[in-house]
Amino acid sequence: MIRNEVRMTVYSYEMAKEVSELAEAMGCKVYVHIKLDTGMARLGFQITEENAEEILGDVSGIIVPGGFGDRGTDGMITSIKYAREHNIPADCVLNMLMIDGIGICGVCRVMIGGVQKQTCIDGPVFNAWDVDFDYILNRQRSFV
């Protein structure tokens, strides 16, 4: 899997360490999906300000998958904040509420780098450093 760049999901520190050591022994980079706990405390990492360095300290890039509502949002935002502060490239998938999917309704508006965009037309993947999460969270609450 490592040699063929198959992206596996890593949901525990022990698993991440084992995969990293194996890739290092093979002289390869490993691409993993770090499973974030969505707030239900069942599976995955709970990323907080206190443990972000331990969990994300050795990564060279981050892709943050979309979340729904407020579940797991804290860990996603903390991961992106860590990436920004440590100059780690990061992309973010925004799963915004959409009505028509062609840009007419404007419900999926987001602010990216100070510019208003629509996830149905311009996204859903954006440079995570540029996403205004305060705007998104406030806007989403209007529709829930």
N, C-alpha and C. Protein backbone atom coordinates (compact mmCIF):
# COMPACT_ATOMS: atom_id res chain seq x y z
N MET A 1 0.82 -1.19 0.00
CA MET A 1 0.00 0.00 0.00
C MET A 1 0.87 1.26 0.00
N ILE A 2 1.91 1.24 0.79
CA ILE A 2 2.77 2.42 0.89
C ILE A 2 3.49 2.67 -0.43
N ARG A 3 4.07 1.62 -0.99
CA ARG A 3 4.83 1.76 -2.23
C ARG A 3 3.96 2.26 -3.38
N ASN A 4 2.68 1.87 -3.39
CA ASN A 4 1.76 2.27 -4.46
C ASN A 4 0.96 3.53 -4.13
N GLU A 5 1.34 4.19 -3.04
CA GLU A 5 0.71 5.43 -2.60
C GLU A 5 -0.79 5.31 -2.37
N VAL A 6 -1.21 4.15 -1.89
CA VAL A 6 -2.61 3.97 -1.49
C VAL A 6 -2.79 4.71 -0.17
N ARG A 7 -3.78 5.55 -0.10
CA ARG A 7 -4.00 6.36 1.11
C ARG A 7 -4.88 5.60 2.08
N MET A 8 -4.27 5.23 3.18
CA MET A 8 -5.00 4.49 4.20
C MET A 8 -5.43 5.42 5.32
N THR A 9 -6.45 5.02 6.03
CA THR A 9 -6.94 5.81 7.15
C THR A 9 -6.20 5.42 8.41
N VAL A 10 -5.65 6.40 9.10
CA VAL A 10 -4.95 6.20 10.36
C VAL A 10 -5.82 6.78 11.46
N TYR A 11 -6.20 5.95 12.42
CA TYR A 11 -7.13 6.41 13.46
C TYR A 11 -6.60 6.28 14.87
N SER A 12 -5.32 5.90 15.01
CA SER A 12 -4.71 5.86 16.33
C SER A 12 -3.25 6.26 16.22
N TYR A 13 -2.70 6.76 17.32
CA TYR A 13 -1.30 7.17 17.34
C TYR A 13 -0.40 5.97 17.05
N GLU A 14 -0.74 4.80 17.62
CA GLU A 14 0.06 3.60 17.43
C GLU A 14 0.11 3.21 15.95
N MET A 15 -1.04 3.28 15.30
CA MET A 15 -1.11 2.92 13.88
C MET A 15 -0.30 3.92 13.05
N ALA A 16 -0.42 5.20 13.35
CA ALA A 16 0.33 6.22 12.62
C ALA A 16 1.83 6.00 12.76
N LYS A 17 2.28 5.70 13.96
CA LYS A 17 3.70 5.47 14.20
C LYS A 17 4.19 4.24 13.44
N GLU A 18 3.42 3.18 13.45
CA GLU A 18 3.79 1.95 12.75
C GLU A 18 3.89 2.18 11.24
N VAL A 19 2.92 2.87 10.67
CA VAL A 19 2.92 3.15 9.23
C VAL A 19 4.11 4.06 8.89
N SER A 20 4.36 5.06 9.70
CA SER A 20 5.47 5.97 9.46
C SER A 20 6.82 5.24 9.50
N GLU A 21 7.01 4.38 10.50
CA GLU A 21 8.26 3.62 10.62
C GLU A 21 8.45 2.68 9.44
N LEU A 22 7.38 2.05 8.99
CA LEU A 22 7.47 1.15 7.84
C LEU A 22 7.85 1.92 6.58
N ALA A 23 7.22 3.07 6.37
CA ALA A 23 7.53 3.89 5.19
C ALA A 23 8.98 4.36 5.23
N GLU A 24 9.44 4.75 6.41
CA GLU A 24 10.83 5.20 6.56
C GLU A 24 11.80 4.07 6.23
N ALA A 25 11.49 2.86 6.70
CA ALA A 25 12.34 1.70 6.41
C ALA A 25 12.37 1.39 4.92
N MET A 26 11.27 1.68 4.22
CA MET A 26 11.18 1.43 2.78
C MET A 26 11.75 2.59 1.97
N GLY A 27 12.09 3.71 2.64
CA GLY A 27 12.60 4.87 1.93
C GLY A 27 11.52 5.59 1.13
N CYS A 28 10.27 5.51 1.61
CA CYS A 28 9.13 6.11 0.90
C CYS A 28 8.44 7.15 1.77
N LYS A 29 7.68 8.01 1.10
CA LYS A 29 6.75 8.87 1.82
C LYS A 29 5.44 8.10 1.91
N VAL A 30 4.71 8.35 2.96
CA VAL A 30 3.42 7.68 3.11
C VAL A 30 2.32 8.74 3.12
N TYR A 31 1.26 8.45 2.41
CA TYR A 31 0.11 9.34 2.36
C TYR A 31 -1.00 8.69 3.17
N VAL A 32 -1.43 9.39 4.22
CA VAL A 32 -2.47 8.82 5.07
C VAL A 32 -3.60 9.82 5.26
N HIS A 33 -4.74 9.27 5.55
CA HIS A 33 -5.91 10.05 5.94
C HIS A 33 -5.97 9.96 7.45
N ILE A 34 -5.77 11.09 8.14
CA ILE A 34 -5.84 11.09 9.60
C ILE A 34 -7.29 11.23 9.99
N LYS A 35 -7.83 10.19 10.58
CA LYS A 35 -9.23 10.18 10.99
C LYS A 35 -9.42 11.09 12.19
N LEU A 36 -10.23 12.12 12.03
CA LEU A 36 -10.54 13.01 13.13
C LEU A 36 -11.81 12.54 13.81
N ASP A 37 -11.81 12.57 15.12
CA ASP A 37 -13.02 12.26 15.88
C ASP A 37 -14.05 13.34 15.57
N THR A 38 -15.25 12.93 15.22
CA THR A 38 -16.29 13.88 14.86
C THR A 38 -17.06 14.40 16.06
N GLY A 39 -16.55 14.12 17.25
CA GLY A 39 -17.20 14.60 18.45
C GLY A 39 -17.98 13.52 19.18
N MET A 40 -17.99 12.31 18.62
CA MET A 40 -18.74 11.23 19.24
C MET A 40 -17.84 10.31 20.07
N ALA A 41 -16.53 10.58 20.05
CA ALA A 41 -15.54 9.83 20.85
C ALA A 41 -15.58 8.33 20.58
N ARG A 42 -15.78 7.96 19.31
CA ARG A 42 -15.79 6.54 18.95
C ARG A 42 -14.49 6.10 18.30
N LEU A 43 -14.01 6.89 17.36
CA LEU A 43 -12.88 6.47 16.56
C LEU A 43 -12.18 7.72 16.04
N GLY A 44 -10.87 7.69 16.05
CA GLY A 44 -10.12 8.80 15.47
C GLY A 44 -9.46 9.68 16.51
N PHE A 45 -8.68 10.61 15.99
CA PHE A 45 -7.94 11.55 16.83
C PHE A 45 -8.83 12.71 17.23
N GLN A 46 -8.72 13.11 18.49
CA GLN A 46 -9.34 14.35 18.93
C GLN A 46 -8.23 15.39 18.94
N ILE A 47 -8.19 16.23 17.92
CA ILE A 47 -7.13 17.22 17.81
C ILE A 47 -7.53 18.47 18.55
N THR A 48 -6.67 18.88 19.48
CA THR A 48 -6.89 20.08 20.27
C THR A 48 -5.63 20.96 20.17
N GLU A 49 -5.73 22.16 20.69
CA GLU A 49 -4.56 23.04 20.72
C GLU A 49 -3.40 22.37 21.46
N GLU A 50 -3.72 21.61 22.50
CA GLU A 50 -2.69 20.99 23.35
C GLU A 50 -1.98 19.82 22.67
N ASN A 51 -2.66 19.06 21.80
CA ASN A 51 -2.02 17.87 21.23
C ASN A 51 -1.75 17.98 19.73
N ALA A 52 -2.02 19.11 19.12
CA ALA A 52 -1.83 19.26 17.68
C ALA A 52 -0.38 18.99 17.27
N GLU A 53 0.57 19.48 18.03
CA GLU A 53 1.99 19.27 17.71
C GLU A 53 2.34 17.78 17.71
N GLU A 54 1.85 17.06 18.70
CA GLU A 54 2.13 15.63 18.80
C GLU A 54 1.55 14.85 17.62
N ILE A 55 0.33 15.19 17.22
CA ILE A 55 -0.34 14.44 16.15
C ILE A 55 0.10 14.90 14.77
N LEU A 56 0.28 16.20 14.57
CA LEU A 56 0.54 16.74 13.23
C LEU A 56 1.98 17.19 13.02
N GLY A 57 2.84 17.02 14.02
CA GLY A 57 4.19 17.56 13.97
C GLY A 57 5.05 17.11 12.82
N ASP A 58 4.86 15.90 12.30
CA ASP A 58 5.72 15.39 11.24
C ASP A 58 5.07 15.34 9.87
N VAL A 59 3.88 15.92 9.71
CA VAL A 59 3.21 15.84 8.41
C VAL A 59 3.74 16.90 7.47
N SER A 60 3.66 16.62 6.16
CA SER A 60 4.15 17.57 5.17
C SER A 60 3.01 18.21 4.38
N GLY A 61 1.80 17.78 4.61
CA GLY A 61 0.64 18.36 3.94
C GLY A 61 -0.62 17.82 4.58
N ILE A 62 -1.68 18.62 4.53
CA ILE A 62 -2.93 18.22 5.17
C ILE A 62 -4.09 18.49 4.20
N ILE A 63 -4.99 17.52 4.08
CA ILE A 63 -6.25 17.72 3.38
C ILE A 63 -7.33 17.49 4.43
N VAL A 64 -8.10 18.51 4.72
CA VAL A 64 -9.12 18.40 5.76
C VAL A 64 -10.45 18.12 5.07
N PRO A 65 -11.05 16.95 5.36
CA PRO A 65 -12.33 16.63 4.72
C PRO A 65 -13.44 17.48 5.29
N GLY A 66 -14.52 17.54 4.56
CA GLY A 66 -15.68 18.31 5.01
C GLY A 66 -16.35 17.70 6.21
N GLY A 67 -16.99 18.52 6.99
CA GLY A 67 -17.76 18.07 8.14
C GLY A 67 -19.18 18.57 8.01
N PHE A 68 -20.02 18.09 8.85
CA PHE A 68 -21.43 18.47 8.81
C PHE A 68 -21.80 19.08 10.14
N GLY A 69 -22.37 20.28 10.12
CA GLY A 69 -22.78 20.94 11.34
C GLY A 69 -21.59 21.26 12.21
N ASP A 70 -21.78 21.16 13.51
CA ASP A 70 -20.71 21.46 14.45
C ASP A 70 -19.94 20.23 14.87
N ARG A 71 -20.35 19.02 14.44
CA ARG A 71 -19.65 17.81 14.84
C ARG A 71 -18.27 17.76 14.19
N GLY A 72 -17.24 17.72 15.00
CA GLY A 72 -15.89 17.59 14.48
C GLY A 72 -15.27 18.86 13.94
N THR A 73 -16.02 19.93 13.92
CA THR A 73 -15.51 21.18 13.36
C THR A 73 -14.30 21.70 14.13
N ASP A 74 -14.33 21.57 15.45
CA ASP A 74 -13.21 22.07 16.25
C ASP A 74 -11.90 21.43 15.85
N GLY A 75 -11.88 20.11 15.70
CA GLY A 75 -10.65 19.41 15.30
C GLY A 75 -10.20 19.80 13.91
N MET A 76 -11.14 20.00 13.01
CA MET A 76 -10.79 20.40 11.65
C MET A 76 -10.17 21.80 11.65
N ILE A 77 -10.77 22.72 12.36
CA ILE A 77 -10.25 24.09 12.41
C ILE A 77 -8.91 24.13 13.13
N THR A 78 -8.75 23.36 14.19
CA THR A 78 -7.47 23.29 14.90
C THR A 78 -6.37 22.75 13.99
N SER A 79 -6.69 21.73 13.18
CA SER A 79 -5.70 21.16 12.25
C SER A 79 -5.26 22.21 11.23
N ILE A 80 -6.21 22.97 10.72
CA ILE A 80 -5.90 24.00 9.72
C ILE A 80 -5.10 25.13 10.36
N LYS A 81 -5.47 25.53 11.55
CA LYS A 81 -4.72 26.57 12.26
C LYS A 81 -3.28 26.13 12.48
N TYR A 82 -3.10 24.87 12.89
CA TYR A 82 -1.75 24.33 13.08
C TYR A 82 -0.98 24.36 11.76
N ALA A 83 -1.62 23.93 10.68
CA ALA A 83 -0.96 23.92 9.37
C ALA A 83 -0.53 25.33 8.97
N ARG A 84 -1.39 26.29 9.17
CA ARG A 84 -1.09 27.68 8.81
C ARG A 84 0.11 28.19 9.62
N GLU A 85 0.09 27.93 10.94
CA GLU A 85 1.16 28.42 11.82
C GLU A 85 2.50 27.76 11.53
N HIS A 86 2.48 26.54 10.97
CA HIS A 86 3.72 25.80 10.72
C HIS A 86 4.04 25.68 9.23
N ASN A 87 3.37 26.50 8.43
CA ASN A 87 3.63 26.56 6.99
C ASN A 87 3.49 25.19 6.30
N ILE A 88 2.48 24.44 6.69
CA ILE A 88 2.20 23.14 6.08
C ILE A 88 1.07 23.34 5.07
N PRO A 89 1.26 22.97 3.81
CA PRO A 89 0.18 23.12 2.83
C PRO A 89 -1.07 22.36 3.31
N ALA A 90 -2.22 22.98 3.13
CA ALA A 90 -3.48 22.35 3.57
C ALA A 90 -4.61 22.74 2.63
N ASP A 91 -5.39 21.74 2.25
CA ASP A 91 -6.61 21.96 1.49
C ASP A 91 -7.78 21.55 2.37
N CYS A 92 -8.93 22.11 2.10
CA CYS A 92 -10.11 21.86 2.91
C CYS A 92 -11.29 21.60 1.98
N VAL A 93 -12.07 20.58 2.29
CA VAL A 93 -13.29 20.29 1.55
C VAL A 93 -14.46 20.87 2.34
N LEU A 94 -15.20 21.77 1.72
CA LEU A 94 -16.33 22.41 2.39
C LEU A 94 -17.64 21.79 1.91
N ASN A 95 -18.33 21.14 2.83
CA ASN A 95 -19.64 20.55 2.53
C ASN A 95 -20.72 21.51 2.98
N MET A 96 -20.97 22.50 2.18
CA MET A 96 -21.96 23.51 2.53
C MET A 96 -23.33 23.07 2.05
N LEU A 97 -24.35 23.59 2.70
CA LEU A 97 -25.72 23.38 2.27
C LEU A 97 -25.88 23.97 0.88
N MET A 98 -26.44 23.19 -0.05
CA MET A 98 -26.68 23.67 -1.42
C MET A 98 -28.12 23.37 -1.79
N ILE A 99 -28.73 24.27 -2.51
CA ILE A 99 -30.11 24.06 -2.95
C ILE A 99 -30.15 23.73 -4.43
N ASP A 100 -29.53 24.54 -5.26
CA ASP A 100 -29.62 24.28 -6.70
C ASP A 100 -28.33 23.69 -7.29
N GLY A 101 -27.19 23.92 -6.66
CA GLY A 101 -25.92 23.36 -7.13
C GLY A 101 -25.35 24.03 -8.37
N ILE A 102 -25.95 25.13 -8.82
CA ILE A 102 -25.44 25.82 -10.02
C ILE A 102 -25.16 27.30 -9.77
N GLY A 103 -25.25 27.73 -8.51
CA GLY A 103 -24.85 29.08 -8.17
C GLY A 103 -25.93 30.13 -8.18
N ILE A 104 -27.16 29.77 -8.46
CA ILE A 104 -28.23 30.76 -8.50
C ILE A 104 -28.71 31.14 -7.11
N CYS A 105 -28.86 30.17 -6.21
CA CYS A 105 -29.46 30.43 -4.89
C CYS A 105 -28.52 31.19 -3.96
N GLY A 106 -27.23 30.94 -4.04
CA GLY A 106 -26.26 31.63 -3.19
C GLY A 106 -26.16 31.12 -1.77
N VAL A 107 -26.85 30.03 -1.46
CA VAL A 107 -26.84 29.50 -0.09
C VAL A 107 -25.45 29.01 0.31
N CYS A 108 -24.67 28.52 -0.62
CA CYS A 108 -23.37 27.92 -0.30
C CYS A 108 -22.22 28.94 -0.33
N ARG A 109 -22.53 30.21 -0.17
CA ARG A 109 -21.48 31.24 -0.18
C ARG A 109 -20.50 31.06 0.97
N VAL A 110 -19.24 31.25 0.67
CA VAL A 110 -18.16 31.22 1.67
C VAL A 110 -17.21 32.37 1.36
N MET A 111 -16.40 32.71 2.35
CA MET A 111 -15.36 33.73 2.14
C MET A 111 -14.02 33.02 2.08
N ILE A 112 -13.33 33.18 0.97
CA ILE A 112 -12.03 32.56 0.75
C ILE A 112 -11.03 33.66 0.43
N GLY A 113 -10.10 33.88 1.35
CA GLY A 113 -9.11 34.93 1.14
C GLY A 113 -9.74 36.31 0.99
N GLY A 114 -10.84 36.55 1.68
CA GLY A 114 -11.52 37.83 1.61
C GLY A 114 -12.42 38.02 0.40
N VAL A 115 -12.54 36.99 -0.41
CA VAL A 115 -13.36 37.04 -1.62
C VAL A 115 -14.53 36.07 -1.45
N GLN A 116 -15.72 36.53 -1.79
CA GLN A 116 -16.89 35.67 -1.69
C GLN A 116 -16.88 34.65 -2.83
N LYS A 117 -17.04 33.38 -2.48
CA LYS A 117 -17.08 32.29 -3.47
C LYS A 117 -18.28 31.41 -3.17
N GLN A 118 -18.60 30.53 -4.10
CA GLN A 118 -19.67 29.57 -3.89
C GLN A 118 -19.09 28.16 -4.01
N THR A 119 -19.40 27.32 -3.04
CA THR A 119 -18.82 25.98 -3.05
C THR A 119 -19.31 25.16 -4.24
N CYS A 120 -20.53 25.41 -4.70
CA CYS A 120 -21.06 24.61 -5.82
C CYS A 120 -20.37 24.93 -7.14
N ILE A 121 -19.83 26.13 -7.26
CA ILE A 121 -19.18 26.54 -8.51
C ILE A 121 -17.66 26.55 -8.37
N ASP A 122 -17.17 27.17 -7.31
CA ASP A 122 -15.73 27.39 -7.13
C ASP A 122 -15.05 26.28 -6.34
N GLY A 123 -15.79 25.42 -5.70
CA GLY A 123 -15.23 24.41 -4.80
C GLY A 123 -15.61 23.02 -5.23
N PRO A 124 -15.67 22.13 -4.30
CA PRO A 124 -15.72 22.34 -2.86
C PRO A 124 -14.35 22.35 -2.17
N VAL A 125 -13.25 22.17 -2.91
CA VAL A 125 -11.92 22.13 -2.30
C VAL A 125 -11.28 23.52 -2.41
N PHE A 126 -10.80 24.02 -1.26
CA PHE A 126 -10.17 25.33 -1.21
C PHE A 126 -8.88 25.24 -0.40
N ASN A 127 -7.99 26.20 -0.63
CA ASN A 127 -6.80 26.31 0.21
C ASN A 127 -7.29 26.62 1.62
N ALA A 128 -7.00 25.74 2.56
CA ALA A 128 -7.53 25.86 3.92
C ALA A 128 -7.05 27.11 4.63
N TRP A 129 -5.88 27.60 4.27
CA TRP A 129 -5.35 28.80 4.92
C TRP A 129 -6.24 30.01 4.66
N ASP A 130 -6.94 30.00 3.52
CA ASP A 130 -7.72 31.17 3.09
C ASP A 130 -9.18 31.14 3.54
N VAL A 131 -9.63 30.03 4.11
CA VAL A 131 -11.05 29.87 4.46
C VAL A 131 -11.37 30.67 5.73
N ASP A 132 -12.43 31.47 5.67
CA ASP A 132 -12.91 32.23 6.83
C ASP A 132 -13.94 31.36 7.56
N PHE A 133 -13.48 30.62 8.55
CA PHE A 133 -14.36 29.68 9.25
C PHE A 133 -15.38 30.38 10.14
N ASP A 134 -15.05 31.54 10.66
CA ASP A 134 -16.05 32.28 11.45
C ASP A 134 -17.25 32.62 10.58
N TYR A 135 -16.99 33.08 9.38
CA TYR A 135 -18.06 33.40 8.43
C TYR A 135 -18.91 32.16 8.14
N ILE A 136 -18.24 31.05 7.87
CA ILE A 136 -18.95 29.81 7.54
C ILE A 136 -19.81 29.33 8.70
N LEU A 137 -19.23 29.28 9.89
CA LEU A 137 -19.98 28.78 11.05
C LEU A 137 -21.19 29.68 11.35
N ASN A 138 -21.01 30.98 11.28
CA ASN A 138 -22.13 31.89 11.51
C ASN A 138 -23.20 31.73 10.43
N ARG A 139 -22.77 31.58 9.20
CA ARG A 139 -23.71 31.43 8.08
C ARG A 139 -24.47 30.11 8.19
N GLN A 140 -23.78 29.03 8.51
CA GLN A 140 -24.44 27.72 8.62
C GLN A 140 -25.52 27.73 9.70
N ARG A 141 -25.27 28.44 10.79
CA ARG A 141 -26.26 28.50 11.88
C ARG A 141 -27.56 29.16 11.42
N SER A 142 -27.47 29.99 10.40
CA SER A 142 -28.66 30.65 9.87
C SER A 142 -29.60 29.68 9.19
N PHE A 143 -29.06 28.58 8.69
CA PHE A 143 -29.86 27.63 7.93
C PHE A 143 -30.23 26.38 8.70
N VAL A 144 -29.71 26.23 9.90
CA VAL A 144 -29.98 25.01 10.67
C VAL A 144 -31.12 25.24 11.65
